[in-house]
Amino acid sequence: MLDELKEAVISGDSEKSKEITQKLINSGKDPGMVLKDGLIAGMDVVGKRFKAYEMYIPEVLVSANAMKSAMNILKPLLSESDIPSMGKIVMATIEGDLHDIGKNLVSMMLEGAGFEIIDLGVDVPVIEIIEESKKHNVDIIGISALLTTTMLGMEGAIKSIRESGISAKVMIGGAPITQDYADKIKADGFAPDALRAIDLAKRLMSV
């Protein structure tokens, strides 16, 4: 049945992924195994197909939504267990920017990869990012911008985060962002898409 869950995630069947997840839990299957061998295994395949241009963003979003539907069943059970997360990440679209499709996709993909996500939404002031990062003792802060005007605020945001004494790594992304810009404003990492954001987050956790 774990293989069926994996295939439901790959095909983006939210109803089926929920149904199979509930059946697995009802049958006494370990929630960590359901997450690892069902949901994460499915999203791993999605990631490989996306990188090989065999799947595209709309299809990845559908798969991520199927994974999220099942995660809603698993989350309370995982929090009760001793399953270690890959790390805690605060995600936010920077103040002045109301775009969230990219951020939401990255958040869902990171969650599917085993990270604990605290999503602050859009138009988030840096002080809120700092407060929530301290409150949750996060490992990584993810900041997104889609507008060239709002991306300029990332430099000040990163400076404020550093000055606050937070040790979390800062990763940035969004359509106008480049590696050169990330280097210039001293971000710890930049990812051009959701799949590479997972690789980046894993790398930042090992630094």
N, C-alpha and C. Protein backbone atom coordinates (compact mmCIF):
# COMPACT_ATOMS: atom_id res chain seq x y z
N MET A 1 0.82 -1.21 0.00
CA MET A 1 0.00 0.00 0.00
C MET A 1 0.86 1.27 0.00
N LEU A 2 2.07 1.17 0.51
CA LEU A 2 2.99 2.31 0.48
C LEU A 2 3.33 2.70 -0.96
N ASP A 3 3.45 1.68 -1.82
CA ASP A 3 3.72 1.95 -3.23
C ASP A 3 2.53 2.66 -3.88
N GLU A 4 1.32 2.29 -3.45
CA GLU A 4 0.11 2.94 -3.97
C GLU A 4 0.09 4.41 -3.56
N LEU A 5 0.51 4.69 -2.31
CA LEU A 5 0.57 6.06 -1.82
C LEU A 5 1.60 6.87 -2.61
N LYS A 6 2.74 6.25 -2.83
CA LYS A 6 3.80 6.88 -3.62
C LYS A 6 3.28 7.26 -5.01
N GLU A 7 2.56 6.33 -5.67
CA GLU A 7 2.02 6.58 -7.01
C GLU A 7 0.92 7.65 -6.98
N ALA A 8 0.14 7.68 -5.90
CA ALA A 8 -0.92 8.70 -5.77
C ALA A 8 -0.31 10.09 -5.68
N VAL A 9 0.81 10.20 -4.98
CA VAL A 9 1.51 11.48 -4.88
C VAL A 9 2.07 11.88 -6.24
N ILE A 10 2.73 10.94 -6.91
CA ILE A 10 3.33 11.22 -8.23
C ILE A 10 2.26 11.68 -9.22
N SER A 11 1.11 11.03 -9.20
CA SER A 11 0.04 11.36 -10.15
C SER A 11 -0.78 12.57 -9.69
N GLY A 12 -0.55 13.02 -8.46
CA GLY A 12 -1.25 14.20 -7.96
C GLY A 12 -2.69 13.95 -7.55
N ASP A 13 -2.99 12.73 -7.11
CA ASP A 13 -4.35 12.37 -6.70
C ASP A 13 -4.52 12.62 -5.19
N SER A 14 -5.01 13.82 -4.85
CA SER A 14 -5.13 14.21 -3.43
C SER A 14 -6.07 13.31 -2.65
N GLU A 15 -7.23 13.01 -3.24
CA GLU A 15 -8.22 12.18 -2.53
C GLU A 15 -7.67 10.80 -2.25
N LYS A 16 -7.01 10.22 -3.24
CA LYS A 16 -6.46 8.87 -3.07
C LYS A 16 -5.32 8.88 -2.05
N SER A 17 -4.48 9.92 -2.09
CA SER A 17 -3.36 9.97 -1.14
C SER A 17 -3.87 10.09 0.29
N LYS A 18 -4.95 10.85 0.49
CA LYS A 18 -5.56 10.96 1.82
C LYS A 18 -6.14 9.63 2.26
N GLU A 19 -6.87 9.01 1.36
CA GLU A 19 -7.55 7.74 1.65
C GLU A 19 -6.54 6.65 2.01
N ILE A 20 -5.48 6.53 1.22
CA ILE A 20 -4.48 5.48 1.47
C ILE A 20 -3.72 5.77 2.77
N THR A 21 -3.41 7.04 3.00
CA THR A 21 -2.71 7.40 4.25
C THR A 21 -3.54 7.02 5.46
N GLN A 22 -4.85 7.32 5.41
CA GLN A 22 -5.73 6.99 6.53
C GLN A 22 -5.80 5.48 6.74
N LYS A 23 -5.87 4.73 5.64
CA LYS A 23 -5.92 3.26 5.73
C LYS A 23 -4.64 2.72 6.36
N LEU A 24 -3.51 3.27 5.95
CA LEU A 24 -2.22 2.82 6.50
C LEU A 24 -2.14 3.09 8.00
N ILE A 25 -2.59 4.27 8.41
CA ILE A 25 -2.56 4.62 9.83
C ILE A 25 -3.53 3.72 10.61
N ASN A 26 -4.72 3.51 10.06
CA ASN A 26 -5.71 2.65 10.72
C ASN A 26 -5.21 1.21 10.88
N SER A 27 -4.35 0.80 9.94
CA SER A 27 -3.84 -0.58 10.01
C SER A 27 -2.63 -0.70 10.94
N GLY A 28 -2.24 0.44 11.54
CA GLY A 28 -1.15 0.42 12.52
C GLY A 28 0.22 0.71 11.94
N LYS A 29 0.27 1.16 10.70
CA LYS A 29 1.55 1.47 10.06
C LYS A 29 2.20 2.68 10.74
N ASP A 30 3.50 2.61 10.94
CA ASP A 30 4.24 3.70 11.59
C ASP A 30 4.16 4.98 10.74
N PRO A 31 3.76 6.12 11.36
CA PRO A 31 3.63 7.37 10.60
C PRO A 31 4.93 7.79 9.91
N GLY A 32 6.06 7.53 10.57
CA GLY A 32 7.35 7.87 9.98
C GLY A 32 7.62 7.08 8.72
N MET A 33 7.20 5.82 8.71
CA MET A 33 7.38 4.98 7.53
C MET A 33 6.47 5.45 6.40
N VAL A 34 5.23 5.84 6.76
CA VAL A 34 4.30 6.36 5.75
C VAL A 34 4.87 7.61 5.11
N LEU A 35 5.45 8.49 5.93
CA LEU A 35 6.06 9.72 5.43
C LEU A 35 7.24 9.40 4.52
N LYS A 36 8.15 8.57 5.01
CA LYS A 36 9.41 8.30 4.29
C LYS A 36 9.19 7.45 3.03
N ASP A 37 8.49 6.32 3.19
CA ASP A 37 8.37 5.36 2.08
C ASP A 37 7.18 5.63 1.16
N GLY A 38 6.29 6.54 1.58
CA GLY A 38 5.15 6.89 0.74
C GLY A 38 5.28 8.29 0.17
N LEU A 39 5.19 9.29 1.05
CA LEU A 39 5.16 10.68 0.58
C LEU A 39 6.51 11.17 0.07
N ILE A 40 7.56 11.01 0.87
CA ILE A 40 8.88 11.51 0.45
C ILE A 40 9.37 10.73 -0.76
N ALA A 41 9.11 9.42 -0.77
CA ALA A 41 9.52 8.60 -1.92
C ALA A 41 8.83 9.09 -3.19
N GLY A 42 7.55 9.45 -3.08
CA GLY A 42 6.82 9.96 -4.23
C GLY A 42 7.37 11.29 -4.70
N MET A 43 7.63 12.19 -3.76
CA MET A 43 8.15 13.51 -4.14
C MET A 43 9.58 13.42 -4.67
N ASP A 44 10.31 12.42 -4.25
CA ASP A 44 11.66 12.20 -4.81
C ASP A 44 11.57 11.90 -6.31
N VAL A 45 10.60 11.09 -6.67
CA VAL A 45 10.40 10.76 -8.09
C VAL A 45 9.97 12.01 -8.85
N VAL A 46 9.07 12.79 -8.25
CA VAL A 46 8.62 14.04 -8.87
C VAL A 46 9.82 14.97 -9.11
N GLY A 47 10.69 15.05 -8.10
CA GLY A 47 11.87 15.90 -8.21
C GLY A 47 12.78 15.48 -9.35
N LYS A 48 12.99 14.17 -9.47
CA LYS A 48 13.86 13.66 -10.54
C LYS A 48 13.24 13.92 -11.92
N ARG A 49 11.93 13.73 -12.02
CA ARG A 49 11.25 13.97 -13.30
C ARG A 49 11.26 15.45 -13.66
N PHE A 50 11.13 16.30 -12.65
CA PHE A 50 11.16 17.74 -12.90
C PHE A 50 12.54 18.16 -13.42
N LYS A 51 13.58 17.64 -12.79
CA LYS A 51 14.94 17.97 -13.21
C LYS A 51 15.23 17.45 -14.62
N ALA A 52 14.57 16.35 -14.99
CA ALA A 52 14.77 15.76 -16.32
C ALA A 52 13.80 16.33 -17.36
N TYR A 53 13.04 17.38 -16.96
CA TYR A 53 12.05 18.02 -17.83
C TYR A 53 10.95 17.05 -18.27
N GLU A 54 10.67 16.05 -17.42
CA GLU A 54 9.58 15.12 -17.70
C GLU A 54 8.30 15.57 -16.99
N MET A 55 8.45 16.49 -16.03
CA MET A 55 7.30 17.11 -15.35
C MET A 55 7.56 18.60 -15.30
N TYR A 56 6.46 19.38 -15.23
CA TYR A 56 6.59 20.83 -15.20
C TYR A 56 5.89 21.40 -13.97
N ILE A 57 6.11 22.69 -13.72
CA ILE A 57 5.64 23.32 -12.48
C ILE A 57 4.17 23.02 -12.15
N PRO A 58 3.23 23.14 -13.10
CA PRO A 58 1.83 22.85 -12.73
C PRO A 58 1.64 21.43 -12.22
N GLU A 59 2.34 20.46 -12.83
CA GLU A 59 2.23 19.06 -12.39
C GLU A 59 2.89 18.86 -11.03
N VAL A 60 4.01 19.55 -10.82
CA VAL A 60 4.70 19.46 -9.53
C VAL A 60 3.80 20.02 -8.42
N LEU A 61 3.12 21.12 -8.72
CA LEU A 61 2.20 21.72 -7.74
C LEU A 61 1.07 20.75 -7.38
N VAL A 62 0.55 20.05 -8.37
CA VAL A 62 -0.53 19.08 -8.12
C VAL A 62 -0.02 17.94 -7.23
N SER A 63 1.19 17.46 -7.52
CA SER A 63 1.79 16.40 -6.69
C SER A 63 2.04 16.90 -5.27
N ALA A 64 2.53 18.13 -5.16
CA ALA A 64 2.80 18.72 -3.85
C ALA A 64 1.51 18.86 -3.04
N ASN A 65 0.42 19.20 -3.72
CA ASN A 65 -0.87 19.30 -3.03
C ASN A 65 -1.36 17.94 -2.55
N ALA A 66 -1.09 16.90 -3.35
CA ALA A 66 -1.47 15.53 -2.94
C ALA A 66 -0.68 15.13 -1.70
N MET A 67 0.61 15.48 -1.71
CA MET A 67 1.44 15.20 -0.54
C MET A 67 0.94 15.97 0.69
N LYS A 68 0.56 17.23 0.48
CA LYS A 68 0.09 18.06 1.59
C LYS A 68 -1.20 17.51 2.19
N SER A 69 -2.09 17.01 1.33
CA SER A 69 -3.35 16.43 1.82
C SER A 69 -3.08 15.28 2.78
N ALA A 70 -2.13 14.44 2.41
CA ALA A 70 -1.78 13.30 3.27
C ALA A 70 -1.05 13.78 4.52
N MET A 71 -0.24 14.82 4.37
CA MET A 71 0.51 15.36 5.52
C MET A 71 -0.43 15.88 6.61
N ASN A 72 -1.60 16.38 6.20
CA ASN A 72 -2.56 16.88 7.20
C ASN A 72 -3.02 15.78 8.14
N ILE A 73 -3.03 14.55 7.65
CA ILE A 73 -3.37 13.39 8.49
C ILE A 73 -2.17 12.99 9.35
N LEU A 74 -0.99 13.05 8.76
CA LEU A 74 0.21 12.58 9.45
C LEU A 74 0.77 13.54 10.50
N LYS A 75 0.60 14.85 10.25
CA LYS A 75 1.25 15.86 11.09
C LYS A 75 1.02 15.66 12.59
N PRO A 76 -0.24 15.52 13.04
CA PRO A 76 -0.45 15.36 14.49
C PRO A 76 0.23 14.11 15.04
N LEU A 77 0.28 13.06 14.23
CA LEU A 77 0.89 11.80 14.67
C LEU A 77 2.41 11.91 14.70
N LEU A 78 2.97 12.63 13.74
CA LEU A 78 4.43 12.80 13.69
C LEU A 78 4.91 13.64 14.85
N SER A 79 4.11 14.65 15.23
CA SER A 79 4.52 15.52 16.34
C SER A 79 4.50 14.78 17.68
N GLU A 80 3.70 13.71 17.74
CA GLU A 80 3.64 12.90 18.97
C GLU A 80 4.78 11.88 19.04
N SER A 81 5.39 11.62 17.91
CA SER A 81 6.44 10.59 17.86
C SER A 81 7.82 11.23 17.99
N ASP A 82 8.83 10.39 18.00
CA ASP A 82 10.21 10.87 18.14
C ASP A 82 10.93 10.95 16.80
N ILE A 83 10.17 11.07 15.73
CA ILE A 83 10.79 11.12 14.41
C ILE A 83 11.50 12.46 14.23
N PRO A 84 12.80 12.44 13.99
CA PRO A 84 13.52 13.71 13.85
C PRO A 84 13.20 14.37 12.52
N SER A 85 13.05 15.70 12.54
CA SER A 85 12.82 16.40 11.28
C SER A 85 14.18 16.71 10.66
N MET A 86 14.17 17.05 9.39
CA MET A 86 15.41 17.40 8.69
C MET A 86 15.93 18.75 9.17
N GLY A 87 15.04 19.54 9.77
CA GLY A 87 15.40 20.88 10.24
C GLY A 87 14.18 21.78 10.21
N LYS A 88 14.26 22.92 10.90
CA LYS A 88 13.14 23.87 10.93
C LYS A 88 13.44 25.05 10.03
N ILE A 89 12.45 25.43 9.23
CA ILE A 89 12.63 26.53 8.29
C ILE A 89 11.46 27.51 8.39
N VAL A 90 11.77 28.79 8.57
CA VAL A 90 10.77 29.85 8.45
C VAL A 90 10.76 30.30 7.00
N MET A 91 9.56 30.38 6.41
CA MET A 91 9.41 30.83 5.02
C MET A 91 8.56 32.10 5.00
N ALA A 92 8.97 33.08 4.18
CA ALA A 92 8.21 34.33 4.09
C ALA A 92 8.47 35.02 2.76
N THR A 93 7.42 35.66 2.23
CA THR A 93 7.61 36.59 1.12
C THR A 93 7.86 37.96 1.73
N ILE A 94 8.86 38.64 1.24
CA ILE A 94 9.33 39.88 1.87
C ILE A 94 8.27 40.98 1.88
N GLU A 95 8.40 41.89 2.82
CA GLU A 95 7.46 43.00 2.98
C GLU A 95 7.28 43.78 1.67
N GLY A 96 6.01 44.07 1.33
CA GLY A 96 5.71 44.81 0.12
C GLY A 96 5.40 43.93 -1.07
N ASP A 97 5.59 42.62 -0.91
CA ASP A 97 5.40 41.67 -2.02
C ASP A 97 4.28 40.69 -1.65
N LEU A 98 3.28 40.58 -2.51
CA LEU A 98 2.11 39.75 -2.20
C LEU A 98 2.10 38.44 -2.99
N HIS A 99 3.19 38.10 -3.63
CA HIS A 99 3.25 36.88 -4.44
C HIS A 99 3.63 35.67 -3.58
N ASP A 100 2.91 34.59 -3.78
CA ASP A 100 3.19 33.43 -2.91
C ASP A 100 3.22 32.08 -3.59
N ILE A 101 2.96 32.01 -4.91
CA ILE A 101 2.91 30.68 -5.56
C ILE A 101 4.26 29.98 -5.44
N GLY A 102 5.36 30.69 -5.76
CA GLY A 102 6.69 30.09 -5.67
C GLY A 102 7.03 29.69 -4.24
N LYS A 103 6.74 30.58 -3.30
CA LYS A 103 7.03 30.29 -1.88
C LYS A 103 6.23 29.08 -1.41
N ASN A 104 4.97 29.03 -1.81
CA ASN A 104 4.13 27.90 -1.38
C ASN A 104 4.64 26.58 -1.94
N LEU A 105 5.08 26.60 -3.18
CA LEU A 105 5.61 25.38 -3.78
C LEU A 105 6.89 24.94 -3.07
N VAL A 106 7.77 25.89 -2.82
CA VAL A 106 9.01 25.57 -2.11
C VAL A 106 8.69 25.03 -0.71
N SER A 107 7.74 25.66 -0.03
CA SER A 107 7.36 25.21 1.32
C SER A 107 6.84 23.78 1.29
N MET A 108 5.97 23.48 0.34
CA MET A 108 5.39 22.13 0.25
C MET A 108 6.46 21.10 -0.10
N MET A 109 7.36 21.47 -0.99
CA MET A 109 8.41 20.53 -1.39
C MET A 109 9.37 20.27 -0.23
N LEU A 110 9.71 21.31 0.51
CA LEU A 110 10.59 21.14 1.67
C LEU A 110 9.92 20.29 2.74
N GLU A 111 8.62 20.52 2.94
CA GLU A 111 7.87 19.72 3.91
C GLU A 111 7.85 18.26 3.48
N GLY A 112 7.66 18.05 2.18
CA GLY A 112 7.66 16.70 1.65
C GLY A 112 9.00 16.01 1.80
N ALA A 113 10.07 16.81 1.87
CA ALA A 113 11.41 16.25 2.03
C ALA A 113 11.76 16.02 3.51
N GLY A 114 10.82 16.35 4.41
CA GLY A 114 11.03 16.06 5.82
C GLY A 114 11.38 17.25 6.69
N PHE A 115 11.34 18.47 6.13
CA PHE A 115 11.61 19.66 6.93
C PHE A 115 10.33 20.14 7.62
N GLU A 116 10.50 20.77 8.77
CA GLU A 116 9.37 21.39 9.47
C GLU A 116 9.29 22.83 9.01
N ILE A 117 8.14 23.22 8.46
CA ILE A 117 7.99 24.55 7.85
C ILE A 117 7.08 25.45 8.70
N ILE A 118 7.56 26.66 8.97
CA ILE A 118 6.74 27.70 9.59
C ILE A 118 6.55 28.76 8.51
N ASP A 119 5.37 28.75 7.88
CA ASP A 119 5.10 29.66 6.75
C ASP A 119 4.42 30.93 7.26
N LEU A 120 5.11 32.06 7.13
CA LEU A 120 4.58 33.33 7.64
C LEU A 120 3.73 34.07 6.63
N GLY A 121 3.65 33.55 5.39
CA GLY A 121 2.80 34.18 4.39
C GLY A 121 3.53 35.24 3.57
N VAL A 122 2.76 36.24 3.13
CA VAL A 122 3.31 37.28 2.24
C VAL A 122 3.38 38.62 2.96
N ASP A 123 4.12 39.57 2.34
CA ASP A 123 4.21 40.93 2.86
C ASP A 123 4.65 40.93 4.34
N VAL A 124 5.72 40.18 4.62
CA VAL A 124 6.14 39.97 6.02
C VAL A 124 7.28 40.93 6.40
N PRO A 125 7.09 41.76 7.42
CA PRO A 125 8.15 42.66 7.88
C PRO A 125 9.31 41.85 8.46
N VAL A 126 10.52 42.35 8.33
CA VAL A 126 11.69 41.61 8.80
C VAL A 126 11.64 41.38 10.31
N ILE A 127 11.04 42.30 11.05
CA ILE A 127 10.96 42.13 12.51
C ILE A 127 10.15 40.88 12.86
N GLU A 128 9.11 40.62 12.06
CA GLU A 128 8.30 39.41 12.29
C GLU A 128 9.09 38.15 11.94
N ILE A 129 9.87 38.22 10.86
CA ILE A 129 10.73 37.08 10.48
C ILE A 129 11.70 36.78 11.62
N ILE A 130 12.29 37.83 12.18
CA ILE A 130 13.26 37.66 13.28
C ILE A 130 12.57 37.08 14.51
N GLU A 131 11.42 37.64 14.88
CA GLU A 131 10.72 37.18 16.09
C GLU A 131 10.30 35.71 15.97
N GLU A 132 9.75 35.34 14.81
CA GLU A 132 9.29 33.96 14.62
C GLU A 132 10.47 32.99 14.53
N SER A 133 11.57 33.46 13.97
CA SER A 133 12.77 32.60 13.87
C SER A 133 13.32 32.31 15.25
N LYS A 134 13.31 33.32 16.11
CA LYS A 134 13.78 33.13 17.50
C LYS A 134 12.81 32.25 18.27
N LYS A 135 11.53 32.50 18.09
CA LYS A 135 10.49 31.76 18.81
C LYS A 135 10.56 30.26 18.51
N HIS A 136 10.77 29.93 17.24
CA HIS A 136 10.79 28.52 16.83
C HIS A 136 12.20 27.93 16.76
N ASN A 137 13.20 28.76 17.05
CA ASN A 137 14.59 28.30 17.02
C ASN A 137 14.91 27.58 15.71
N VAL A 138 14.70 28.29 14.61
CA VAL A 138 14.82 27.67 13.29
C VAL A 138 16.28 27.53 12.85
N ASP A 139 16.48 26.63 11.92
CA ASP A 139 17.81 26.38 11.36
C ASP A 139 18.06 27.23 10.11
N ILE A 140 16.96 27.48 9.37
CA ILE A 140 17.07 28.20 8.09
C ILE A 140 15.92 29.20 7.98
N ILE A 141 16.22 30.35 7.38
CA ILE A 141 15.21 31.35 7.06
C ILE A 141 15.14 31.44 5.53
N GLY A 142 13.95 31.24 4.97
CA GLY A 142 13.77 31.34 3.52
C GLY A 142 12.98 32.59 3.17
N ILE A 143 13.56 33.47 2.35
CA ILE A 143 12.89 34.71 1.97
C ILE A 143 12.70 34.76 0.46
N SER A 144 11.48 35.08 0.06
CA SER A 144 11.13 35.10 -1.37
C SER A 144 10.73 36.51 -1.80
N ALA A 145 11.01 36.83 -3.08
CA ALA A 145 10.54 38.08 -3.69
C ALA A 145 10.31 37.84 -5.17
N LEU A 146 9.24 38.40 -5.70
CA LEU A 146 8.98 38.25 -7.13
C LEU A 146 9.19 39.58 -7.87
N LEU A 147 9.19 40.68 -7.14
CA LEU A 147 9.34 41.99 -7.77
C LEU A 147 10.76 42.51 -7.62
N THR A 148 11.25 43.18 -8.66
CA THR A 148 12.61 43.76 -8.57
C THR A 148 12.65 44.85 -7.51
N THR A 149 11.51 45.51 -7.27
CA THR A 149 11.47 46.56 -6.25
C THR A 149 11.57 45.97 -4.84
N THR A 150 10.85 44.88 -4.58
CA THR A 150 10.88 44.30 -3.23
C THR A 150 12.16 43.49 -2.98
N MET A 151 12.75 42.96 -4.05
CA MET A 151 13.98 42.16 -3.83
C MET A 151 15.09 43.03 -3.24
N LEU A 152 15.03 44.33 -3.52
CA LEU A 152 16.06 45.23 -2.98
C LEU A 152 16.01 45.29 -1.46
N GLY A 153 14.85 44.98 -0.89
CA GLY A 153 14.72 44.97 0.56
C GLY A 153 15.38 43.78 1.22
N MET A 154 15.78 42.79 0.42
CA MET A 154 16.41 41.59 0.99
C MET A 154 17.74 41.91 1.66
N GLU A 155 18.48 42.86 1.08
CA GLU A 155 19.79 43.19 1.65
C GLU A 155 19.65 43.71 3.08
N GLY A 156 18.70 44.64 3.28
CA GLY A 156 18.45 45.17 4.62
C GLY A 156 17.92 44.12 5.56
N ALA A 157 17.08 43.23 5.02
CA ALA A 157 16.50 42.16 5.85
C ALA A 157 17.59 41.23 6.36
N ILE A 158 18.51 40.84 5.46
CA ILE A 158 19.60 39.94 5.86
C ILE A 158 20.50 40.63 6.89
N LYS A 159 20.76 41.91 6.67
CA LYS A 159 21.59 42.68 7.62
C LYS A 159 20.94 42.70 9.01
N SER A 160 19.62 42.94 9.05
CA SER A 160 18.90 42.96 10.32
C SER A 160 18.90 41.59 11.00
N ILE A 161 18.75 40.55 10.20
CA ILE A 161 18.76 39.18 10.75
C ILE A 161 20.11 38.88 11.37
N ARG A 162 21.18 39.24 10.67
CA ARG A 162 22.53 39.02 11.21
C ARG A 162 22.73 39.79 12.52
N GLU A 163 22.28 41.05 12.52
CA GLU A 163 22.48 41.91 13.70
C GLU A 163 21.65 41.45 14.89
N SER A 164 20.60 40.68 14.63
CA SER A 164 19.73 40.21 15.71
C SER A 164 20.38 39.07 16.50
N GLY A 165 21.47 38.53 15.96
CA GLY A 165 22.17 37.44 16.64
C GLY A 165 21.67 36.06 16.29
N ILE A 166 20.72 35.97 15.35
CA ILE A 166 20.21 34.66 14.92
C ILE A 166 21.30 33.93 14.14
N SER A 167 21.47 32.65 14.45
CA SER A 167 22.52 31.88 13.77
C SER A 167 21.99 31.12 12.55
N ALA A 168 20.67 31.22 12.31
CA ALA A 168 20.06 30.50 11.19
C ALA A 168 20.65 30.96 9.86
N LYS A 169 20.78 30.02 8.93
CA LYS A 169 21.23 30.35 7.59
C LYS A 169 20.07 31.01 6.82
N VAL A 170 20.40 31.91 5.91
CA VAL A 170 19.37 32.60 5.12
C VAL A 170 19.48 32.19 3.65
N MET A 171 18.39 31.60 3.13
CA MET A 171 18.34 31.26 1.71
C MET A 171 17.28 32.12 1.04
N ILE A 172 17.54 32.54 -0.19
CA ILE A 172 16.61 33.43 -0.89
C ILE A 172 16.24 32.85 -2.26
N GLY A 173 15.10 33.34 -2.78
CA GLY A 173 14.67 32.88 -4.09
C GLY A 173 13.60 33.80 -4.65
N GLY A 174 13.24 33.56 -5.90
CA GLY A 174 12.24 34.38 -6.58
C GLY A 174 12.71 34.70 -7.98
N ALA A 175 11.76 35.03 -8.86
CA ALA A 175 12.07 35.23 -10.28
C ALA A 175 13.22 36.20 -10.58
N PRO A 176 13.31 37.35 -9.89
CA PRO A 176 14.38 38.29 -10.27
C PRO A 176 15.73 38.01 -9.60
N ILE A 177 15.77 37.03 -8.71
CA ILE A 177 17.00 36.78 -7.93
C ILE A 177 18.00 35.98 -8.75
N THR A 178 19.26 36.32 -8.60
CA THR A 178 20.35 35.58 -9.25
C THR A 178 21.38 35.19 -8.20
N GLN A 179 22.26 34.29 -8.58
CA GLN A 179 23.34 33.91 -7.66
C GLN A 179 24.24 35.10 -7.35
N ASP A 180 24.48 35.92 -8.35
CA ASP A 180 25.31 37.11 -8.15
C ASP A 180 24.71 38.04 -7.11
N TYR A 181 23.38 38.22 -7.20
CA TYR A 181 22.71 39.10 -6.24
C TYR A 181 22.76 38.49 -4.84
N ALA A 182 22.55 37.18 -4.76
CA ALA A 182 22.62 36.48 -3.46
C ALA A 182 24.01 36.65 -2.84
N ASP A 183 25.05 36.52 -3.65
CA ASP A 183 26.42 36.71 -3.16
C ASP A 183 26.64 38.14 -2.70
N LYS A 184 26.12 39.08 -3.47
CA LYS A 184 26.31 40.51 -3.17
C LYS A 184 25.71 40.89 -1.82
N ILE A 185 24.51 40.36 -1.53
CA ILE A 185 23.85 40.75 -0.27
C ILE A 185 24.17 39.77 0.87
N LYS A 186 25.11 38.86 0.60
CA LYS A 186 25.61 37.92 1.62
C LYS A 186 24.55 36.95 2.15
N ALA A 187 23.69 36.47 1.24
CA ALA A 187 22.79 35.38 1.60
C ALA A 187 23.61 34.10 1.68
N ASP A 188 23.15 33.14 2.48
CA ASP A 188 23.89 31.88 2.60
C ASP A 188 23.63 30.96 1.42
N GLY A 189 22.56 31.23 0.67
CA GLY A 189 22.29 30.38 -0.48
C GLY A 189 21.15 30.92 -1.33
N PHE A 190 21.14 30.51 -2.60
CA PHE A 190 20.09 30.89 -3.55
C PHE A 190 19.68 29.65 -4.32
N ALA A 191 18.37 29.49 -4.52
CA ALA A 191 17.87 28.38 -5.34
C ALA A 191 16.93 28.93 -6.41
N PRO A 192 17.16 28.56 -7.66
CA PRO A 192 16.32 29.07 -8.75
C PRO A 192 14.96 28.38 -8.87
N ASP A 193 14.79 27.23 -8.19
CA ASP A 193 13.50 26.53 -8.25
C ASP A 193 13.33 25.68 -7.00
N ALA A 194 12.11 25.13 -6.86
CA ALA A 194 11.75 24.40 -5.64
C ALA A 194 12.60 23.16 -5.40
N LEU A 195 12.93 22.45 -6.49
CA LEU A 195 13.71 21.22 -6.31
C LEU A 195 15.11 21.52 -5.83
N ARG A 196 15.71 22.55 -6.41
CA ARG A 196 17.05 22.90 -5.97
C ARG A 196 17.05 23.55 -4.59
N ALA A 197 15.89 24.06 -4.17
CA ALA A 197 15.76 24.60 -2.81
C ALA A 197 15.92 23.47 -1.78
N ILE A 198 15.43 22.28 -2.13
CA ILE A 198 15.59 21.13 -1.23
C ILE A 198 17.07 20.78 -1.09
N ASP A 199 17.77 20.69 -2.22
CA ASP A 199 19.21 20.38 -2.19
C ASP A 199 19.96 21.45 -1.38
N LEU A 200 19.58 22.71 -1.59
CA LEU A 200 20.25 23.81 -0.88
C LEU A 200 20.01 23.71 0.62
N ALA A 201 18.75 23.47 1.01
CA ALA A 201 18.43 23.37 2.44
C ALA A 201 19.20 22.22 3.10
N LYS A 202 19.27 21.09 2.42
CA LYS A 202 20.03 19.96 2.97
C LYS A 202 21.52 20.32 3.11
N ARG A 203 22.03 21.05 2.13
CA ARG A 203 23.43 21.45 2.18
C ARG A 203 23.68 22.43 3.33
N LEU A 204 22.77 23.39 3.50
CA LEU A 204 22.92 24.36 4.58
C LEU A 204 22.84 23.71 5.96
N MET A 205 22.05 22.64 6.05
CA MET A 205 21.95 21.92 7.33
C MET A 205 23.23 21.20 7.68
N SER A 206 24.04 20.90 6.67
CA SER A 206 25.28 20.15 6.93
C SER A 206 26.50 21.05 7.12
N VAL A 207 26.29 22.37 6.94
CA VAL A 207 27.42 23.31 7.07
C VAL A 207 27.68 23.60 8.55
